[in-house]
Amino acid sequence: MDTVFIEGLTLATRIGIYAGERDAPQPVTLDLRLGFDNAAAGASGRIEDALDYAAVVAALRTFVAARDCGLLEQLAEACCDMLRARFHGIHSLDLRIDKPHAARALGCTHVGVAIHREFP
């Protein structure tokens, strides 16, 4: 299957269940792999036939900034639902969300969630 990928997209959002996390937006870093048939875009050379990764990034930037979630799992599911509804033709989605402030507080390099979804 073809994929469109976006790696290392750092966005700010309100996320967390502990009081200190809720004071201000904090960064999260997203890595995505979107299953999408790129054959039509490859043949036509038209952005209209492609999954426009710039549009995906813009949609995520706006969506994530407006969220206020307790758990990364909530944010991951919400992002998945939004992307599926907004960008037709996505067959699957792999999304990894890293929470760097939490990782530092725990003394590790990365901590977060990853989800995989397939769509009919």
N, C-alpha and C. Protein backbone atom coordinates (compact mmCIF):
# COMPACT_ATOMS: atom_id res chain seq x y z
N MET A 1 0.84 -1.18 0.00
CA MET A 1 0.00 0.00 0.00
C MET A 1 0.88 1.24 0.00
N ASP A 2 0.44 2.25 -0.69
CA ASP A 2 1.14 3.53 -0.71
C ASP A 2 0.92 4.25 0.61
N THR A 3 1.86 5.11 0.96
CA THR A 3 1.69 5.92 2.16
C THR A 3 2.14 7.35 1.92
N VAL A 4 1.54 8.23 2.65
CA VAL A 4 2.00 9.61 2.78
C VAL A 4 2.43 9.73 4.23
N PHE A 5 3.64 10.23 4.46
CA PHE A 5 4.10 10.30 5.85
C PHE A 5 4.48 11.71 6.23
N ILE A 6 4.31 11.98 7.52
CA ILE A 6 4.67 13.25 8.14
C ILE A 6 5.35 12.86 9.44
N GLU A 7 6.57 13.33 9.64
CA GLU A 7 7.31 12.97 10.84
C GLU A 7 7.81 14.21 11.56
N GLY A 8 7.76 14.13 12.89
CA GLY A 8 8.34 15.20 13.70
C GLY A 8 7.55 16.49 13.70
N LEU A 9 6.24 16.40 13.53
CA LEU A 9 5.39 17.60 13.54
C LEU A 9 5.14 17.99 14.99
N THR A 10 5.73 19.07 15.44
CA THR A 10 5.57 19.52 16.82
C THR A 10 4.50 20.60 16.88
N LEU A 11 3.51 20.35 17.73
CA LEU A 11 2.36 21.24 17.90
C LEU A 11 2.16 21.50 19.39
N ALA A 12 1.49 22.58 19.72
CA ALA A 12 1.19 22.89 21.12
C ALA A 12 -0.29 22.64 21.39
N THR A 13 -0.57 22.06 22.56
CA THR A 13 -1.94 21.78 22.96
C THR A 13 -2.03 21.68 24.47
N ARG A 14 -3.23 21.80 24.99
CA ARG A 14 -3.46 21.54 26.42
C ARG A 14 -3.71 20.05 26.55
N ILE A 15 -2.87 19.39 27.30
CA ILE A 15 -2.97 17.94 27.45
C ILE A 15 -2.44 17.56 28.82
N GLY A 16 -3.08 16.61 29.44
CA GLY A 16 -2.58 16.10 30.71
C GLY A 16 -3.65 15.96 31.75
N ILE A 17 -3.37 15.12 32.73
CA ILE A 17 -4.33 14.89 33.81
C ILE A 17 -3.85 15.46 35.13
N TYR A 18 -2.60 15.88 35.18
CA TYR A 18 -2.06 16.43 36.42
C TYR A 18 -2.11 17.95 36.39
N ALA A 19 -2.31 18.55 37.55
CA ALA A 19 -2.52 20.00 37.65
C ALA A 19 -1.43 20.81 36.95
N GLY A 20 -0.19 20.48 37.14
CA GLY A 20 0.90 21.23 36.54
C GLY A 20 0.91 21.18 35.02
N GLU A 21 0.32 20.15 34.46
CA GLU A 21 0.26 20.02 33.00
C GLU A 21 -0.80 20.92 32.39
N ARG A 22 -1.75 21.34 33.17
CA ARG A 22 -2.91 22.05 32.66
C ARG A 22 -2.71 23.56 32.62
N ASP A 23 -1.59 24.04 33.16
CA ASP A 23 -1.36 25.48 33.27
C ASP A 23 -1.23 26.19 31.92
N ALA A 24 -0.63 25.54 30.96
CA ALA A 24 -0.38 26.17 29.66
C ALA A 24 -0.25 25.08 28.60
N PRO A 25 -0.45 25.44 27.34
CA PRO A 25 -0.22 24.46 26.29
C PRO A 25 1.22 23.93 26.35
N GLN A 26 1.37 22.69 25.97
CA GLN A 26 2.70 22.08 25.93
C GLN A 26 2.88 21.37 24.59
N PRO A 27 4.12 21.12 24.21
CA PRO A 27 4.35 20.51 22.90
C PRO A 27 4.03 19.01 22.89
N VAL A 28 3.54 18.58 21.76
CA VAL A 28 3.44 17.17 21.43
C VAL A 28 4.03 17.02 20.03
N THR A 29 4.62 15.87 19.77
CA THR A 29 5.21 15.63 18.46
C THR A 29 4.49 14.46 17.81
N LEU A 30 4.03 14.67 16.58
CA LEU A 30 3.26 13.66 15.87
C LEU A 30 4.07 13.09 14.71
N ASP A 31 3.95 11.79 14.54
CA ASP A 31 4.45 11.08 13.37
C ASP A 31 3.24 10.36 12.77
N LEU A 32 3.02 10.54 11.48
CA LEU A 32 1.87 9.91 10.81
C LEU A 32 2.30 9.14 9.59
N ARG A 33 1.60 8.07 9.35
CA ARG A 33 1.67 7.34 8.09
C ARG A 33 0.23 7.13 7.67
N LEU A 34 -0.11 7.68 6.52
CA LEU A 34 -1.47 7.61 6.01
C LEU A 34 -1.49 6.74 4.77
N GLY A 35 -2.24 5.64 4.83
CA GLY A 35 -2.39 4.77 3.67
C GLY A 35 -3.27 5.45 2.65
N PHE A 36 -2.74 5.65 1.45
CA PHE A 36 -3.46 6.38 0.41
C PHE A 36 -2.97 5.89 -0.94
N ASP A 37 -3.88 5.62 -1.86
CA ASP A 37 -3.49 5.18 -3.20
C ASP A 37 -2.97 6.38 -3.99
N ASN A 38 -1.65 6.39 -4.20
CA ASN A 38 -1.01 7.52 -4.89
C ASN A 38 -0.96 7.37 -6.41
N ALA A 39 -1.57 6.31 -6.96
CA ALA A 39 -1.47 6.05 -8.40
C ALA A 39 -2.06 7.18 -9.24
N ALA A 40 -3.23 7.66 -8.87
CA ALA A 40 -3.87 8.72 -9.67
C ALA A 40 -3.00 9.98 -9.68
N ALA A 41 -2.48 10.36 -8.53
CA ALA A 41 -1.62 11.55 -8.46
C ALA A 41 -0.32 11.33 -9.23
N GLY A 42 0.20 10.13 -9.15
CA GLY A 42 1.43 9.81 -9.90
C GLY A 42 1.22 9.89 -11.39
N ALA A 43 0.05 9.50 -11.85
CA ALA A 43 -0.25 9.54 -13.28
C ALA A 43 -0.59 10.95 -13.75
N SER A 44 -1.33 11.70 -12.94
CA SER A 44 -1.82 13.01 -13.40
C SER A 44 -0.88 14.16 -13.06
N GLY A 45 -0.14 14.02 -11.96
CA GLY A 45 0.68 15.14 -11.51
C GLY A 45 -0.13 16.26 -10.89
N ARG A 46 -1.39 15.99 -10.56
CA ARG A 46 -2.29 17.01 -10.02
C ARG A 46 -2.44 16.85 -8.51
N ILE A 47 -2.31 17.95 -7.78
CA ILE A 47 -2.46 17.94 -6.33
C ILE A 47 -3.87 17.50 -5.94
N GLU A 48 -4.84 17.76 -6.79
CA GLU A 48 -6.22 17.37 -6.50
C GLU A 48 -6.38 15.86 -6.40
N ASP A 49 -5.47 15.12 -7.02
CA ASP A 49 -5.53 13.65 -6.98
C ASP A 49 -4.68 13.08 -5.85
N ALA A 50 -3.99 13.93 -5.12
CA ALA A 50 -3.07 13.49 -4.08
C ALA A 50 -3.66 13.74 -2.69
N LEU A 51 -3.05 13.13 -1.71
CA LEU A 51 -3.33 13.49 -0.32
C LEU A 51 -2.33 14.60 0.00
N ASP A 52 -2.82 15.81 0.04
CA ASP A 52 -1.99 17.00 0.19
C ASP A 52 -1.45 17.08 1.61
N TYR A 53 -0.18 16.74 1.79
CA TYR A 53 0.39 16.71 3.16
C TYR A 53 0.45 18.09 3.78
N ALA A 54 0.54 19.15 2.97
CA ALA A 54 0.49 20.50 3.53
C ALA A 54 -0.89 20.79 4.13
N ALA A 55 -1.94 20.32 3.47
CA ALA A 55 -3.29 20.49 3.99
C ALA A 55 -3.50 19.65 5.24
N VAL A 56 -2.92 18.46 5.27
CA VAL A 56 -3.01 17.61 6.46
C VAL A 56 -2.34 18.29 7.65
N VAL A 57 -1.14 18.83 7.43
CA VAL A 57 -0.43 19.53 8.50
C VAL A 57 -1.22 20.75 8.99
N ALA A 58 -1.76 21.53 8.07
CA ALA A 58 -2.54 22.71 8.45
C ALA A 58 -3.77 22.30 9.27
N ALA A 59 -4.44 21.24 8.85
CA ALA A 59 -5.62 20.77 9.58
C ALA A 59 -5.24 20.30 10.98
N LEU A 60 -4.16 19.56 11.09
CA LEU A 60 -3.70 19.09 12.40
C LEU A 60 -3.29 20.26 13.29
N ARG A 61 -2.59 21.21 12.72
CA ARG A 61 -2.13 22.37 13.50
C ARG A 61 -3.32 23.10 14.14
N THR A 62 -4.35 23.36 13.36
CA THR A 62 -5.54 24.04 13.86
C THR A 62 -6.31 23.17 14.85
N PHE A 63 -6.49 21.91 14.50
CA PHE A 63 -7.28 20.99 15.32
C PHE A 63 -6.63 20.75 16.68
N VAL A 64 -5.35 20.44 16.69
CA VAL A 64 -4.65 20.11 17.93
C VAL A 64 -4.57 21.34 18.84
N ALA A 65 -4.36 22.51 18.27
CA ALA A 65 -4.27 23.74 19.07
C ALA A 65 -5.58 24.01 19.80
N ALA A 66 -6.70 23.60 19.22
CA ALA A 66 -8.02 23.87 19.81
C ALA A 66 -8.45 22.80 20.81
N ARG A 67 -7.71 21.71 20.90
CA ARG A 67 -8.09 20.60 21.79
C ARG A 67 -7.72 20.88 23.23
N ASP A 68 -8.39 20.19 24.11
CA ASP A 68 -8.10 20.24 25.54
C ASP A 68 -8.41 18.84 26.06
N CYS A 69 -7.41 17.97 26.03
CA CYS A 69 -7.61 16.56 26.36
C CYS A 69 -6.86 16.20 27.64
N GLY A 70 -7.40 15.25 28.36
CA GLY A 70 -6.71 14.73 29.52
C GLY A 70 -5.65 13.72 29.12
N LEU A 71 -5.98 12.86 28.18
CA LEU A 71 -5.09 11.77 27.80
C LEU A 71 -4.64 11.87 26.35
N LEU A 72 -3.44 11.40 26.10
CA LEU A 72 -2.95 11.31 24.72
C LEU A 72 -3.83 10.40 23.88
N GLU A 73 -4.38 9.37 24.50
CA GLU A 73 -5.27 8.46 23.79
C GLU A 73 -6.48 9.21 23.22
N GLN A 74 -7.02 10.15 23.99
CA GLN A 74 -8.13 10.98 23.51
C GLN A 74 -7.70 11.81 22.30
N LEU A 75 -6.55 12.43 22.41
CA LEU A 75 -6.06 13.26 21.32
C LEU A 75 -5.81 12.43 20.07
N ALA A 76 -5.24 11.25 20.23
CA ALA A 76 -4.97 10.38 19.08
C ALA A 76 -6.26 9.98 18.37
N GLU A 77 -7.26 9.57 19.13
CA GLU A 77 -8.53 9.17 18.52
C GLU A 77 -9.22 10.35 17.84
N ALA A 78 -9.17 11.52 18.48
CA ALA A 78 -9.79 12.71 17.89
C ALA A 78 -9.09 13.09 16.58
N CYS A 79 -7.77 13.04 16.56
CA CYS A 79 -7.02 13.35 15.33
C CYS A 79 -7.38 12.35 14.23
N CYS A 80 -7.45 11.09 14.59
CA CYS A 80 -7.80 10.05 13.63
C CYS A 80 -9.18 10.32 13.02
N ASP A 81 -10.16 10.59 13.87
CA ASP A 81 -11.52 10.86 13.39
C ASP A 81 -11.56 12.08 12.48
N MET A 82 -10.86 13.14 12.86
CA MET A 82 -10.85 14.35 12.05
C MET A 82 -10.22 14.10 10.69
N LEU A 83 -9.08 13.43 10.67
CA LEU A 83 -8.39 13.17 9.41
C LEU A 83 -9.23 12.30 8.48
N ARG A 84 -9.85 11.29 9.05
CA ARG A 84 -10.68 10.39 8.23
C ARG A 84 -11.87 11.15 7.64
N ALA A 85 -12.48 12.02 8.43
CA ALA A 85 -13.64 12.77 7.94
C ALA A 85 -13.26 13.83 6.91
N ARG A 86 -12.11 14.43 7.10
CA ARG A 86 -11.73 15.57 6.25
C ARG A 86 -11.01 15.17 4.96
N PHE A 87 -10.25 14.08 5.00
CA PHE A 87 -9.43 13.69 3.85
C PHE A 87 -9.88 12.32 3.35
N HIS A 88 -10.69 12.35 2.32
CA HIS A 88 -11.27 11.12 1.79
C HIS A 88 -10.20 10.31 1.04
N GLY A 89 -10.34 9.01 1.11
CA GLY A 89 -9.41 8.14 0.42
C GLY A 89 -8.32 7.56 1.31
N ILE A 90 -8.29 7.95 2.58
CA ILE A 90 -7.32 7.37 3.50
C ILE A 90 -7.78 5.96 3.85
N HIS A 91 -6.91 4.97 3.59
CA HIS A 91 -7.25 3.57 3.86
C HIS A 91 -6.79 3.11 5.24
N SER A 92 -5.74 3.74 5.73
CA SER A 92 -5.23 3.37 7.05
C SER A 92 -4.48 4.56 7.63
N LEU A 93 -4.27 4.49 8.94
CA LEU A 93 -3.59 5.57 9.62
C LEU A 93 -2.76 4.99 10.75
N ASP A 94 -1.50 5.36 10.78
CA ASP A 94 -0.63 5.08 11.92
C ASP A 94 -0.25 6.44 12.49
N LEU A 95 -0.54 6.63 13.76
CA LEU A 95 -0.28 7.91 14.42
C LEU A 95 0.46 7.65 15.71
N ARG A 96 1.57 8.33 15.87
CA ARG A 96 2.36 8.27 17.10
C ARG A 96 2.42 9.67 17.67
N ILE A 97 2.08 9.80 18.95
CA ILE A 97 2.15 11.10 19.62
C ILE A 97 3.12 10.99 20.78
N ASP A 98 4.13 11.81 20.75
CA ASP A 98 5.17 11.86 21.77
C ASP A 98 4.93 13.09 22.63
N LYS A 99 5.10 12.93 23.93
CA LYS A 99 4.91 14.03 24.87
C LYS A 99 6.25 14.33 25.55
N PRO A 100 7.06 15.22 24.96
CA PRO A 100 8.44 15.40 25.42
C PRO A 100 8.58 15.91 26.85
N HIS A 101 7.68 16.77 27.32
CA HIS A 101 7.81 17.26 28.70
C HIS A 101 7.60 16.12 29.69
N ALA A 102 6.65 15.25 29.41
CA ALA A 102 6.41 14.10 30.28
C ALA A 102 7.61 13.16 30.25
N ALA A 103 8.19 12.97 29.07
CA ALA A 103 9.36 12.09 28.96
C ALA A 103 10.50 12.62 29.81
N ARG A 104 10.77 13.92 29.71
CA ARG A 104 11.85 14.50 30.53
C ARG A 104 11.57 14.33 32.02
N ALA A 105 10.32 14.56 32.42
CA ALA A 105 9.96 14.43 33.83
C ALA A 105 10.16 13.00 34.33
N LEU A 106 9.99 12.04 33.44
CA LEU A 106 10.15 10.63 33.81
C LEU A 106 11.59 10.13 33.63
N GLY A 107 12.43 10.96 33.04
CA GLY A 107 13.83 10.58 32.84
C GLY A 107 14.05 9.67 31.66
N CYS A 108 13.18 9.78 30.66
CA CYS A 108 13.36 8.96 29.45
C CYS A 108 13.36 9.87 28.22
N THR A 109 13.65 9.28 27.08
CA THR A 109 13.75 10.05 25.85
C THR A 109 12.39 10.34 25.24
N HIS A 110 11.52 9.35 25.19
CA HIS A 110 10.21 9.50 24.57
C HIS A 110 9.16 8.76 25.39
N VAL A 111 7.98 9.31 25.41
CA VAL A 111 6.82 8.64 26.01
C VAL A 111 5.59 9.11 25.25
N GLY A 112 4.67 8.21 25.02
CA GLY A 112 3.46 8.60 24.29
C GLY A 112 2.62 7.41 23.92
N VAL A 113 1.83 7.59 22.89
CA VAL A 113 0.95 6.52 22.40
C VAL A 113 1.10 6.41 20.89
N ALA A 114 0.77 5.23 20.40
CA ALA A 114 0.72 5.00 18.96
C ALA A 114 -0.55 4.20 18.67
N ILE A 115 -1.25 4.60 17.61
CA ILE A 115 -2.45 3.87 17.21
C ILE A 115 -2.33 3.50 15.74
N HIS A 116 -3.01 2.43 15.38
CA HIS A 116 -3.12 1.99 13.99
C HIS A 116 -4.59 1.75 13.72
N ARG A 117 -5.08 2.33 12.65
CA ARG A 117 -6.48 2.13 12.26
C ARG A 117 -6.53 1.82 10.77
N GLU A 118 -7.44 0.91 10.41
CA GLU A 118 -7.70 0.59 9.01
C GLU A 118 -9.15 0.91 8.73
N PHE A 119 -9.42 1.44 7.56
CA PHE A 119 -10.77 1.88 7.20
C PHE A 119 -11.25 1.12 5.98
N PRO A 120 -12.54 0.79 5.96
CA PRO A 120 -13.08 0.06 4.80
C PRO A 120 -13.13 0.92 3.55
